[in-house]
Amino acid sequence: MADSQEVYTDPDRFPAPLEEEEAVVTIPVDWTEAEEKAAKRKLDFTIMPLMTLGFFCLQLFVDRGNISNSLTDNFLKDVGITQNQFNVGQQMLSLGIVLFEIPSNMILYRVGPGKWLTLQLFLFGTVATFQAFQHSYGAFIATRLLLGITESGFIPGGLWTLSTWYTRQETAKRVMFFYFGNQFGQASSKLLAYGILHMRGVGGKSGWFWLFVLMGAFTVLSGVILGLFLPDSFKSPTSTFLPKRRVFSERELHILRSRVLRDDPMKGKKKKHIGRPAFKRAFTNWRLWIHFFISFANNGPQRGFDTYSPTMVNSFGFPPLTSNALASVGFYLQIPVSFAFSYVSDHFNRRGETVMAGFTCHLLGYVFNRIFTEVNKRGVRYFGVVWTQCFGTFSHPLNIAWMSLACRDSEERALAMTMAIMGGNIAGIYGAQIFRSEDRPRYRRAFSVGIAVLSVGLLLAAVRYVDDRIRRRRAAKSVETSSTVSNEEKGAVTPPHQQNDDDGSRYGDRNEKSGLA
């Protein structure tokens, strides 16, 4: 039998602050709705473009975009490495991220997001630029590991930054917009590479040399932009490079800060560290581990597929550089598709359903590709690549939004976000070895492995969905029982339409119609 907290938990809403949190601050609403909308609009046009730009650079220029595009320009031959050695380098990238994820976020928590995220753009932009000068296996391994170290913590740091400026309900929408930077970066990297790789021979250099130099320099420039305009926090609402220039007026800051504290008072109590009880709550919450493994299952096959999608298209018979442009189509299509999924997830509170639907479509992509390996029509095989790209990424941020609803307080939620991101990055370690040289060019084994892994992830998502349905029914039944007892204490007669409704379905139906289910 579930305890009382379990029974009253509503899986469709963020939990209310704990009693000790509610006592932290009591803030009256002394502003108008128009003032709040104006302040929030200004916040959106300040924070969101900058955070999305950072994620755009991370995906487009640094993480996986450039390196996968370079493969069609003789990168492996020029550097002197094999495909399997290349996979080891990709593992080093993921390893660097995983090892330094938590230390990076500890630094961000102490110095503030404005300073740390700006510095990170400078650091991984610099390392990305110097990738252009590698000409050995050792140099390749070193630059990939350094890249993982310097970019570690950027994504959970961005998520944490959004959570400090927005209420819990608003954060879910902004997380999806934040991930649009990732998706747009994936798509744009291949299209830009098509043009830049034609510079092979300029200055006696390869095309991939100019790819790393130009895009690395753009990342450093983006660091300057964040340093000029990204406000640090409510207590220090100025940018790193312009400490005397305030982005928001005192009135706007009061409104923005007060509304966040009314939603979650714990955001007004900055701790030097998260206490041991919070770690215990998070790491003993089996639901969070389910979400961890959902990300783990989704991101592994997707990482390997994204890396080799341009070379797959090339193997269908398309010209090498044209393959980069063609490999961008699925990612561009992913943007409106993921927006539609996120809208349904957030507007109708269909968290589990959208994650399972996205997972199913991702799984179908691997089924298509495995079947199409036996087909010699390049248009059919190209369709499999486009489909997989279209549905391959966005289940991860949808899962993160769903995961946050399984948390019982703000500290547990912060740890859960780190768990989800680490699950995705750990997946990159095994995902880098799915597509191996002895399996190319059709990658029959790789697609079979992807089908198996994604099937497990879909099963886990289904388990969590059933769990949420059970919790919803128990919560409705508990509310009904509490209401009946209250009426009996007052000497009231239970209305006939509320009698013999033990399964709680009437309350479930009402919740679904109101958008809560």
Protein backbone atom coordinates (compact mmCIF):
# COMPACT_ATOMS: atom_id res chain seq x y z
CA MET A 1 0.00 0.00 0.00
CA ALA A 2 1.46 3.38 -0.93
CA ASP A 3 2.11 5.91 1.80
CA SER A 4 0.09 9.10 2.11
CA GLN A 5 2.55 11.19 0.16
CA GLU A 6 2.40 8.69 -2.69
CA VAL A 7 -1.40 8.65 -2.68
CA TYR A 8 -1.78 12.41 -2.85
CA THR A 9 0.93 12.97 -5.45
CA ASP A 10 -0.47 14.31 -8.69
CA PRO A 11 1.79 13.04 -11.51
CA ASP A 12 0.53 15.77 -13.83
CA ARG A 13 1.60 18.72 -11.71
CA PHE A 14 4.72 19.91 -9.97
CA PRO A 15 4.56 19.17 -6.23
CA ALA A 16 3.80 22.08 -3.93
CA PRO A 17 6.69 23.43 -1.83
CA LEU A 18 7.30 21.62 1.44
CA GLU A 19 6.07 23.15 4.70
CA GLU A 20 9.54 24.37 5.66
CA GLU A 21 9.88 25.91 2.20
CA GLU A 22 6.53 27.68 2.38
CA ALA A 23 7.66 29.47 5.52
CA VAL A 24 10.69 30.99 3.82
CA VAL A 25 8.92 33.97 2.31
CA THR A 26 5.42 35.43 1.95
CA ILE A 27 5.18 37.86 -0.95
CA PRO A 28 2.04 39.77 -1.89
CA VAL A 29 1.11 40.36 -5.52
CA ASP A 30 1.61 44.11 -5.89
CA TRP A 31 1.80 44.26 -9.67
CA THR A 32 -0.69 44.10 -12.50
CA GLU A 33 -1.06 41.31 -15.01
CA ALA A 34 0.07 43.67 -17.77
CA GLU A 35 3.27 44.49 -15.85
CA GLU A 36 4.01 40.80 -15.36
CA LYS A 37 3.49 40.00 -19.03
CA ALA A 38 5.77 42.88 -20.08
CA ALA A 39 8.51 41.82 -17.65
CA LYS A 40 8.28 38.19 -18.72
CA ARG A 41 8.36 39.16 -22.40
CA LYS A 42 11.54 41.16 -21.80
CA LEU A 43 13.03 38.20 -19.94
CA ASP A 44 12.18 35.87 -22.84
CA PHE A 45 13.83 38.16 -25.39
CA THR A 46 16.93 38.49 -23.19
CA ILE A 47 17.60 35.05 -21.72
CA MET A 48 16.23 32.63 -24.30
CA PRO A 49 18.12 33.84 -27.43
CA LEU A 50 21.41 33.84 -25.52
CA MET A 51 20.95 30.38 -23.99
CA THR A 52 19.80 28.98 -27.33
CA LEU A 53 22.82 30.55 -29.05
CA GLY A 54 25.12 28.77 -26.61
CA PHE A 55 23.48 25.40 -27.27
CA PHE A 56 23.52 26.14 -31.00
CA CYS A 57 27.30 26.62 -30.89
CA LEU A 58 27.77 23.54 -28.74
CA GLN A 59 25.97 21.31 -31.23
CA LEU A 60 26.85 23.05 -34.48
CA PHE A 61 30.55 23.76 -34.07
CA VAL A 62 31.88 21.77 -31.18
CA ASP A 63 30.23 18.57 -30.13
CA ARG A 64 29.18 16.25 -32.98
CA GLY A 65 28.20 18.48 -35.91
CA ASN A 66 31.59 19.41 -37.34
CA ILE A 67 33.34 16.14 -36.69
CA SER A 68 30.69 14.09 -38.53
CA ASN A 69 30.73 16.50 -41.47
CA SER A 70 34.51 16.30 -41.74
CA LEU A 71 34.30 12.57 -42.48
CA THR A 72 33.11 13.25 -46.04
CA ASP A 73 36.22 15.39 -46.62
CA ASN A 74 38.86 12.68 -46.05
CA PHE A 75 39.30 13.57 -42.36
CA LEU A 76 40.24 10.04 -41.33
CA LYS A 77 42.86 9.73 -44.10
CA ASP A 78 44.31 13.21 -43.50
CA VAL A 79 44.70 12.70 -39.74
CA GLY A 80 45.84 9.09 -40.14
CA ILE A 81 43.24 7.24 -38.08
CA THR A 82 40.76 4.43 -38.68
CA GLN A 83 37.01 4.51 -38.17
CA ASN A 84 37.26 2.44 -34.99
CA GLN A 85 39.96 4.80 -33.63
CA PHE A 86 37.63 7.66 -34.49
CA ASN A 87 34.95 5.96 -32.37
CA VAL A 88 37.37 5.87 -29.43
CA GLY A 89 37.81 9.63 -29.78
CA GLN A 90 34.04 10.05 -29.62
CA GLN A 91 34.05 7.99 -26.45
CA MET A 92 36.69 10.30 -24.97
CA LEU A 93 34.41 13.26 -25.67
CA SER A 94 31.54 11.63 -23.75
CA LEU A 95 33.89 10.50 -20.97
CA GLY A 96 35.21 14.04 -20.47
CA ILE A 97 31.65 15.35 -20.21
CA VAL A 98 30.58 12.69 -17.71
CA LEU A 99 33.65 13.05 -15.46
CA PHE A 100 33.46 16.83 -15.19
CA GLU A 101 29.68 17.34 -15.37
CA ILE A 102 29.16 17.68 -11.62
CA PRO A 103 32.37 19.70 -10.89
CA SER A 104 31.40 22.10 -13.68
CA ASN A 105 27.98 22.67 -12.19
CA MET A 106 29.48 23.17 -8.72
CA ILE A 107 31.60 25.97 -10.20
CA LEU A 108 28.58 27.47 -11.96
CA TYR A 109 26.61 27.42 -8.70
CA ARG A 110 29.38 29.33 -6.91
CA VAL A 111 30.42 31.93 -9.52
CA GLY A 112 27.09 32.36 -11.32
CA PRO A 113 25.86 31.33 -14.78
CA GLY A 114 26.76 34.61 -16.47
CA LYS A 115 30.47 34.23 -15.78
CA TRP A 116 30.79 30.46 -16.06
CA LEU A 117 28.73 29.85 -19.21
CA THR A 118 30.52 32.74 -20.91
CA LEU A 119 33.90 31.25 -19.96
CA GLN A 120 32.81 27.84 -21.21
CA LEU A 121 32.01 29.22 -24.66
CA PHE A 122 35.50 30.74 -24.79
CA LEU A 123 37.11 27.49 -23.64
CA PHE A 124 35.39 24.97 -25.89
CA GLY A 125 35.44 27.45 -28.78
CA THR A 126 39.22 27.67 -28.45
CA VAL A 127 39.66 23.89 -28.27
CA ALA A 128 37.32 23.46 -31.24
CA THR A 129 39.43 25.89 -33.28
CA PHE A 130 42.67 24.07 -32.50
CA GLN A 131 41.14 20.80 -33.74
CA ALA A 132 42.11 22.13 -37.17
CA PHE A 133 45.80 21.47 -36.38
CA GLN A 134 45.58 17.80 -35.40
CA HIS A 135 47.49 15.30 -37.53
CA SER A 136 47.82 12.17 -35.38
CA TYR A 137 45.77 9.73 -33.35
CA GLY A 138 47.19 11.10 -30.08
CA ALA A 139 46.26 14.68 -30.97
CA PHE A 140 42.78 13.55 -31.99
CA ILE A 141 42.20 11.77 -28.67
CA ALA A 142 43.56 14.74 -26.68
CA THR A 143 41.37 17.32 -28.43
CA ARG A 144 38.22 15.21 -28.06
CA LEU A 145 38.86 14.68 -24.34
CA LEU A 146 39.61 18.38 -23.81
CA LEU A 147 36.47 19.26 -25.73
CA GLY A 148 34.40 17.04 -23.44
CA ILE A 149 35.97 18.57 -20.34
CA THR A 150 35.45 22.18 -21.44
CA GLU A 151 31.84 21.69 -22.56
CA SER A 152 30.87 19.54 -19.56
CA GLY A 153 28.05 20.98 -17.53
CA PHE A 154 26.94 23.49 -20.15
CA ILE A 155 23.57 21.82 -20.83
CA PRO A 156 22.54 21.17 -17.18
CA GLY A 157 23.96 24.61 -16.37
CA GLY A 158 21.67 26.11 -18.99
CA LEU A 159 18.71 24.16 -17.63
CA TRP A 160 19.50 25.31 -14.08
CA THR A 161 19.78 28.92 -15.26
CA LEU A 162 16.34 28.74 -16.88
CA SER A 163 14.87 27.27 -13.69
CA THR A 164 16.13 30.23 -11.63
CA TRP A 165 14.44 32.84 -13.86
CA TYR A 166 11.13 31.07 -14.55
CA THR A 167 8.40 29.32 -12.59
CA ARG A 168 8.27 25.55 -12.69
CA GLN A 169 5.41 25.40 -15.18
CA GLU A 170 7.09 27.95 -17.47
CA THR A 171 10.45 26.19 -17.37
CA ALA A 172 9.19 23.15 -19.29
CA LYS A 173 8.36 25.31 -22.33
CA ARG A 174 11.70 27.12 -22.15
CA VAL A 175 13.59 23.83 -21.93
CA MET A 176 12.08 22.77 -25.24
CA PHE A 177 12.96 26.14 -26.80
CA PHE A 178 16.49 25.74 -25.40
CA TYR A 179 16.73 22.37 -27.15
CA PHE A 180 15.63 23.97 -30.42
CA GLY A 181 19.15 25.47 -30.46
CA ASN A 182 20.48 21.92 -30.42
CA GLN A 183 18.17 20.81 -33.22
CA PHE A 184 18.80 23.87 -35.37
CA GLY A 185 22.53 23.39 -34.82
CA GLN A 186 22.34 19.77 -35.95
CA ALA A 187 20.56 20.80 -39.14
CA SER A 188 22.65 23.89 -39.91
CA SER A 189 26.00 22.20 -39.32
CA LYS A 190 25.56 19.95 -42.33
CA LEU A 191 24.26 22.67 -44.59
CA LEU A 192 27.07 25.08 -43.66
CA ALA A 193 29.60 22.29 -44.04
CA TYR A 194 28.47 21.79 -47.62
CA GLY A 195 29.71 25.30 -48.40
CA ILE A 196 32.78 25.49 -46.17
CA LEU A 197 34.21 22.12 -47.18
CA HIS A 198 34.45 23.44 -50.74
CA MET A 199 37.33 25.58 -49.42
CA ARG A 200 39.66 22.56 -49.66
CA GLY A 201 42.85 23.84 -51.25
CA VAL A 202 42.49 27.44 -50.00
CA GLY A 203 45.81 28.31 -48.38
CA GLY A 204 46.92 24.77 -49.05
CA LYS A 205 44.58 23.51 -46.32
CA SER A 206 41.86 20.88 -46.26
CA GLY A 207 38.18 21.74 -46.16
CA TRP A 208 37.77 20.35 -42.65
CA PHE A 209 40.61 22.67 -41.49
CA TRP A 210 38.53 25.71 -42.45
CA LEU A 211 35.43 24.09 -40.98
CA PHE A 212 37.02 23.91 -37.53
CA VAL A 213 38.71 27.33 -37.73
CA LEU A 214 35.70 29.34 -38.89
CA MET A 215 33.15 27.72 -36.64
CA GLY A 216 35.46 27.68 -33.63
CA ALA A 217 36.01 31.41 -34.09
CA PHE A 218 32.24 31.94 -34.26
CA THR A 219 31.88 30.11 -30.93
CA VAL A 220 34.43 32.41 -29.30
CA LEU A 221 32.55 35.40 -30.72
CA SER A 222 29.35 34.01 -29.22
CA GLY A 223 31.12 33.91 -25.88
CA VAL A 224 31.68 37.66 -26.23
CA ILE A 225 27.95 38.12 -26.90
CA LEU A 226 27.00 36.17 -23.77
CA GLY A 227 29.55 38.14 -21.76
CA LEU A 228 27.98 41.42 -22.90
CA PHE A 229 24.29 40.60 -22.48
CA LEU A 230 23.63 37.54 -20.25
CA PRO A 231 22.51 38.68 -16.75
CA ASP A 232 23.92 36.58 -13.94
CA SER A 233 21.09 36.28 -11.41
CA PHE A 234 18.44 38.23 -9.50
CA LYS A 235 21.07 39.26 -6.95
CA SER A 236 23.54 40.25 -9.67
CA PRO A 237 21.38 41.22 -12.68
CA THR A 238 24.27 42.45 -14.82
CA SER A 239 26.44 40.84 -17.48
CA THR A 240 30.05 39.73 -17.03
CA PHE A 241 31.62 42.38 -19.30
CA LEU A 242 29.25 45.24 -18.40
CA PRO A 243 28.86 45.01 -14.59
CA LYS A 244 27.35 48.51 -14.31
CA ARG A 245 24.68 48.08 -16.98
CA ARG A 246 21.39 46.68 -15.73
CA VAL A 247 19.27 44.70 -18.14
CA PHE A 248 16.10 45.00 -16.02
CA SER A 249 14.71 47.89 -13.99
CA GLU A 250 14.21 47.54 -10.23
CA ARG A 251 10.47 47.18 -10.77
CA GLU A 252 10.94 44.44 -13.38
CA LEU A 253 13.38 42.58 -11.14
CA HIS A 254 10.94 42.78 -8.23
CA ILE A 255 8.14 41.29 -10.35
CA LEU A 256 10.29 38.56 -11.90
CA ARG A 257 11.89 37.54 -8.62
CA SER A 258 8.67 37.65 -6.59
CA ARG A 259 6.71 35.49 -9.00
CA VAL A 260 9.46 32.85 -8.98
CA LEU A 261 9.66 32.83 -5.17
CA ARG A 262 5.89 32.56 -4.86
CA ASP A 263 6.05 29.50 -7.09
CA ASP A 264 9.05 27.90 -5.33
CA PRO A 265 10.35 29.69 -2.19
CA MET A 266 13.42 27.42 -2.06
CA LYS A 267 14.84 29.44 -4.98
CA GLY A 268 15.34 32.28 -2.53
CA LYS A 269 17.60 30.18 -0.32
CA LYS A 270 20.95 29.69 -1.99
CA LYS A 271 22.84 26.85 -0.35
CA LYS A 272 26.55 26.22 -0.65
CA HIS A 273 25.80 22.61 -1.41
CA ILE A 274 22.94 20.20 -1.75
CA GLY A 275 22.57 18.22 1.45
CA ARG A 276 22.92 14.47 1.90
CA PRO A 277 19.16 13.97 2.46
CA ALA A 278 18.50 15.38 -1.02
CA PHE A 279 20.97 12.94 -2.57
CA LYS A 280 19.29 10.10 -0.68
CA ARG A 281 15.84 11.17 -1.87
CA ALA A 282 16.98 11.45 -5.47
CA PHE A 283 19.06 8.28 -5.71
CA THR A 284 16.45 6.13 -3.96
CA ASN A 285 13.61 7.41 -6.16
CA TRP A 286 13.17 4.54 -8.61
CA ARG A 287 11.15 6.73 -10.97
CA LEU A 288 14.16 8.98 -11.55
CA TRP A 289 16.26 5.95 -12.43
CA ILE A 290 13.64 4.88 -14.97
CA HIS A 291 13.95 8.29 -16.63
CA PHE A 292 17.75 8.02 -16.44
CA PHE A 293 17.67 4.77 -18.40
CA ILE A 294 15.13 6.17 -20.88
CA SER A 295 17.67 8.88 -21.79
CA PHE A 296 20.41 6.24 -21.73
CA ALA A 297 18.50 4.12 -24.26
CA ASN A 298 17.45 6.97 -26.54
CA ASN A 299 20.76 8.80 -26.83
CA GLY A 300 23.16 5.93 -27.48
CA PRO A 301 21.91 4.84 -30.92
CA GLN A 302 21.12 8.45 -31.81
CA ARG A 303 24.70 9.63 -31.11
CA GLY A 304 26.22 7.02 -33.40
CA PHE A 305 23.64 7.53 -36.14
CA ASP A 306 24.08 11.32 -36.17
CA THR A 307 27.85 10.94 -36.49
CA TYR A 308 27.69 8.68 -39.53
CA SER A 309 24.56 9.97 -41.29
CA PRO A 310 26.53 12.05 -43.87
CA THR A 311 28.75 9.08 -44.75
CA MET A 312 25.69 6.81 -44.94
CA VAL A 313 24.08 9.17 -47.45
CA ASN A 314 27.39 9.23 -49.34
CA SER A 315 27.35 5.42 -49.50
CA PHE A 316 23.94 5.56 -51.24
CA GLY A 317 25.68 7.06 -54.28
CA PHE A 318 25.42 10.80 -53.61
CA PRO A 319 28.54 13.01 -54.01
CA PRO A 320 30.55 13.45 -50.75
CA LEU A 321 29.87 17.14 -50.03
CA THR A 322 26.31 16.96 -51.34
CA SER A 323 25.76 14.24 -48.75
CA ASN A 324 26.31 16.79 -45.98
CA ALA A 325 23.56 19.01 -47.34
CA LEU A 326 21.18 16.06 -47.82
CA ALA A 327 21.90 14.88 -44.28
CA SER A 328 20.51 18.18 -42.93
CA VAL A 329 16.97 17.65 -44.25
CA GLY A 330 15.79 15.33 -41.47
CA PHE A 331 17.11 17.67 -38.78
CA TYR A 332 15.29 20.67 -40.24
CA LEU A 333 12.08 18.63 -40.36
CA GLN A 334 12.66 17.68 -36.75
CA ILE A 335 12.20 21.29 -35.59
CA PRO A 336 8.46 21.67 -36.40
CA VAL A 337 7.79 18.03 -35.47
CA SER A 338 9.42 18.42 -32.04
CA PHE A 339 7.57 21.72 -31.54
CA ALA A 340 4.28 19.90 -32.17
CA PHE A 341 5.19 17.13 -29.74
CA SER A 342 6.30 19.60 -27.06
CA TYR A 343 3.11 21.63 -27.49
CA VAL A 344 0.94 18.56 -26.95
CA SER A 345 3.11 17.47 -24.01
CA ASP A 346 2.95 20.84 -22.26
CA HIS A 347 -0.49 22.17 -23.24
CA PHE A 348 -2.40 18.93 -22.64
CA ASN A 349 -0.04 17.49 -19.98
CA ARG A 350 0.53 14.39 -22.13
CA ARG A 351 4.07 13.78 -20.86
CA GLY A 352 4.18 10.00 -21.04
CA GLU A 353 2.21 9.72 -24.24
CA THR A 354 4.49 12.10 -26.18
CA VAL A 355 7.66 10.41 -24.92
CA MET A 356 6.34 6.99 -25.94
CA ALA A 357 5.15 8.30 -29.33
CA GLY A 358 8.54 9.90 -30.01
CA PHE A 359 10.33 6.72 -28.93
CA THR A 360 8.11 4.61 -31.18
CA CYS A 361 8.85 6.80 -34.20
CA HIS A 362 12.59 6.70 -33.38
CA LEU A 363 12.43 2.91 -33.15
CA LEU A 364 10.58 2.72 -36.47
CA GLY A 365 13.45 4.63 -38.05
CA TYR A 366 15.88 1.86 -37.12
CA VAL A 367 13.44 -0.77 -38.32
CA PHE A 368 13.16 1.06 -41.65
CA ASN A 369 16.93 1.36 -42.00
CA ARG A 370 17.48 -2.30 -41.16
CA ILE A 371 14.94 -3.34 -43.81
CA PHE A 372 16.24 -0.85 -46.38
CA THR A 373 19.80 -2.21 -46.11
CA GLU A 374 18.57 -4.95 -48.41
CA VAL A 375 17.15 -2.45 -50.91
CA ASN A 376 19.40 -0.93 -53.56
CA LYS A 377 17.26 2.12 -54.31
CA ARG A 378 19.03 5.13 -52.86
CA GLY A 379 15.83 7.17 -52.52
CA VAL A 380 14.27 4.51 -50.29
CA ARG A 381 17.39 4.23 -48.13
CA TYR A 382 17.65 8.01 -47.88
CA PHE A 383 14.05 8.12 -46.60
CA GLY A 384 15.14 5.89 -43.69
CA VAL A 385 17.89 8.36 -42.76
CA VAL A 386 15.54 11.36 -42.92
CA TRP A 387 12.88 9.61 -40.80
CA THR A 388 15.42 8.62 -38.11
CA GLN A 389 16.86 12.14 -37.94
CA CYS A 390 13.38 13.63 -37.74
CA PHE A 391 12.40 11.61 -34.65
CA GLY A 392 15.76 10.81 -33.07
CA THR A 393 16.45 13.60 -30.58
CA PHE A 394 13.45 15.28 -29.01
CA SER A 395 12.31 12.37 -26.82
CA HIS A 396 15.23 13.33 -24.56
CA PRO A 397 14.04 16.84 -23.59
CA LEU A 398 10.45 15.57 -23.39
CA ASN A 399 11.68 12.92 -20.96
CA ILE A 400 13.45 15.59 -18.90
CA ALA A 401 10.22 17.59 -18.58
CA TRP A 402 8.35 14.43 -17.56
CA MET A 403 11.10 13.52 -15.10
CA SER A 404 10.81 16.85 -13.29
CA LEU A 405 7.22 15.97 -12.31
CA ALA A 406 8.47 12.89 -10.46
CA CYS A 407 10.58 15.05 -8.12
CA ARG A 408 9.33 15.95 -4.65
CA ASP A 409 11.25 19.19 -4.07
CA SER A 410 13.60 21.66 -5.76
CA GLU A 411 16.84 20.00 -4.59
CA GLU A 412 15.73 16.62 -5.90
CA ARG A 413 14.73 18.29 -9.15
CA ALA A 414 18.21 19.82 -9.57
CA LEU A 415 19.83 16.42 -9.06
CA ALA A 416 17.34 14.79 -11.43
CA MET A 417 18.30 17.20 -14.22
CA THR A 418 21.95 16.27 -13.77
CA MET A 419 21.05 12.56 -13.77
CA ALA A 420 19.15 12.91 -17.05
CA ILE A 421 21.95 14.79 -18.79
CA MET A 422 24.57 12.37 -17.48
CA GLY A 423 22.44 9.46 -18.69
CA GLY A 424 22.44 10.98 -22.17
CA ASN A 425 26.20 11.56 -22.13
CA ILE A 426 27.07 8.14 -20.70
CA ALA A 427 25.03 6.75 -23.58
CA GLY A 428 27.49 8.44 -25.91
CA ILE A 429 30.24 6.16 -24.60
CA TYR A 430 28.57 2.98 -25.81
CA GLY A 431 26.82 4.70 -28.72
CA ALA A 432 30.17 5.64 -30.25
CA GLN A 433 30.96 1.96 -30.85
CA ILE A 434 27.65 0.88 -32.43
CA PHE A 435 28.68 1.86 -35.97
CA ARG A 436 31.97 0.08 -36.66
CA SER A 437 34.14 -0.24 -39.77
CA GLU A 438 33.61 -4.00 -40.21
CA ASP A 439 29.84 -3.39 -40.38
CA ARG A 440 29.88 -0.68 -43.06
CA PRO A 441 28.50 0.48 -45.40
CA ARG A 442 25.08 -1.07 -44.69
CA TYR A 443 25.49 -1.31 -40.89
CA ARG A 444 23.11 -4.26 -40.50
CA ARG A 445 24.41 -5.09 -37.02
CA ALA A 446 24.32 -1.46 -35.91
CA PHE A 447 20.65 -1.06 -36.83
CA SER A 448 19.79 -4.35 -35.11
CA VAL A 449 21.51 -3.17 -31.92
CA GLY A 450 19.65 0.14 -32.14
CA ILE A 451 16.31 -1.68 -32.45
CA ALA A 452 17.06 -3.74 -29.32
CA VAL A 453 18.19 -0.77 -27.22
CA LEU A 454 15.31 1.49 -28.24
CA SER A 455 12.81 -1.31 -27.54
CA VAL A 456 14.06 -1.47 -23.96
CA GLY A 457 13.72 2.32 -23.64
CA LEU A 458 10.16 2.20 -24.99
CA LEU A 459 9.30 -0.55 -22.49
CA LEU A 460 10.64 1.58 -19.61
CA ALA A 461 8.60 4.56 -20.78
CA ALA A 462 5.50 2.35 -20.84
CA VAL A 463 6.19 1.22 -17.26
CA ARG A 464 6.36 4.84 -16.10
CA TYR A 465 3.20 5.69 -18.01
CA VAL A 466 1.28 2.87 -16.31
CA ASP A 467 2.72 3.97 -12.97
CA ASP A 468 1.44 7.51 -13.56
CA ARG A 469 -2.01 6.21 -14.43
CA ILE A 470 -2.11 4.20 -11.21
CA ARG A 471 -0.93 7.18 -9.15
CA ARG A 472 -3.54 9.40 -10.78
CA ARG A 473 -6.31 6.98 -9.93
CA ARG A 474 -5.11 6.57 -6.34
CA ALA A 475 -4.85 10.33 -5.93
CA ALA A 476 -8.42 10.79 -7.18
CA LYS A 477 -9.66 8.04 -4.88
CA SER A 478 -7.87 9.61 -1.91
CA VAL A 479 -9.42 12.99 -2.64
CA GLU A 480 -12.87 11.36 -2.89
CA THR A 481 -12.38 9.51 0.40
CA SER A 482 -11.19 12.68 2.14
CA SER A 483 -14.20 14.60 0.81
CA THR A 484 -16.63 11.88 1.93
CA VAL A 485 -15.17 11.83 5.44
CA SER A 486 -15.37 15.62 5.63
CA ASN A 487 -19.04 15.57 4.58
CA GLU A 488 -19.88 12.88 7.15
CA GLU A 489 -18.21 14.90 9.90
CA LYS A 490 -20.41 17.84 8.97
CA GLY A 491 -23.50 15.62 8.96
CA ALA A 492 -23.91 16.00 5.21
CA VAL A 493 -25.34 13.33 2.97
CA THR A 494 -23.13 12.13 0.17
CA PRO A 495 -24.74 13.03 -3.16
CA PRO A 496 -25.97 9.98 -5.10
CA HIS A 497 -23.72 10.70 -8.09
CA GLN A 498 -20.64 10.41 -5.85
CA GLN A 499 -21.61 7.03 -4.37
CA ASN A 500 -20.20 3.68 -5.59
CA ASP A 501 -17.44 5.37 -7.57
CA ASP A 502 -14.56 3.48 -6.00
CA ASP A 503 -12.38 3.34 -9.09
CA GLY A 504 -12.00 7.13 -9.21
CA SER A 505 -12.65 7.15 -12.94
CA ARG A 506 -14.99 10.11 -12.72
CA TYR A 507 -12.18 12.22 -11.29
CA GLY A 508 -9.78 10.92 -13.89
CA ASP A 509 -12.20 11.91 -16.64
CA ARG A 510 -12.59 15.36 -15.17
CA ASN A 511 -8.84 15.79 -14.98
CA GLU A 512 -8.41 14.69 -18.56
CA LYS A 513 -11.04 17.11 -19.80
CA SER A 514 -9.41 19.96 -17.89
CA GLY A 515 -5.99 19.11 -19.35
CA LEU A 516 -4.51 17.75 -16.13
CA ALA A 517 -4.31 14.08 -17.09
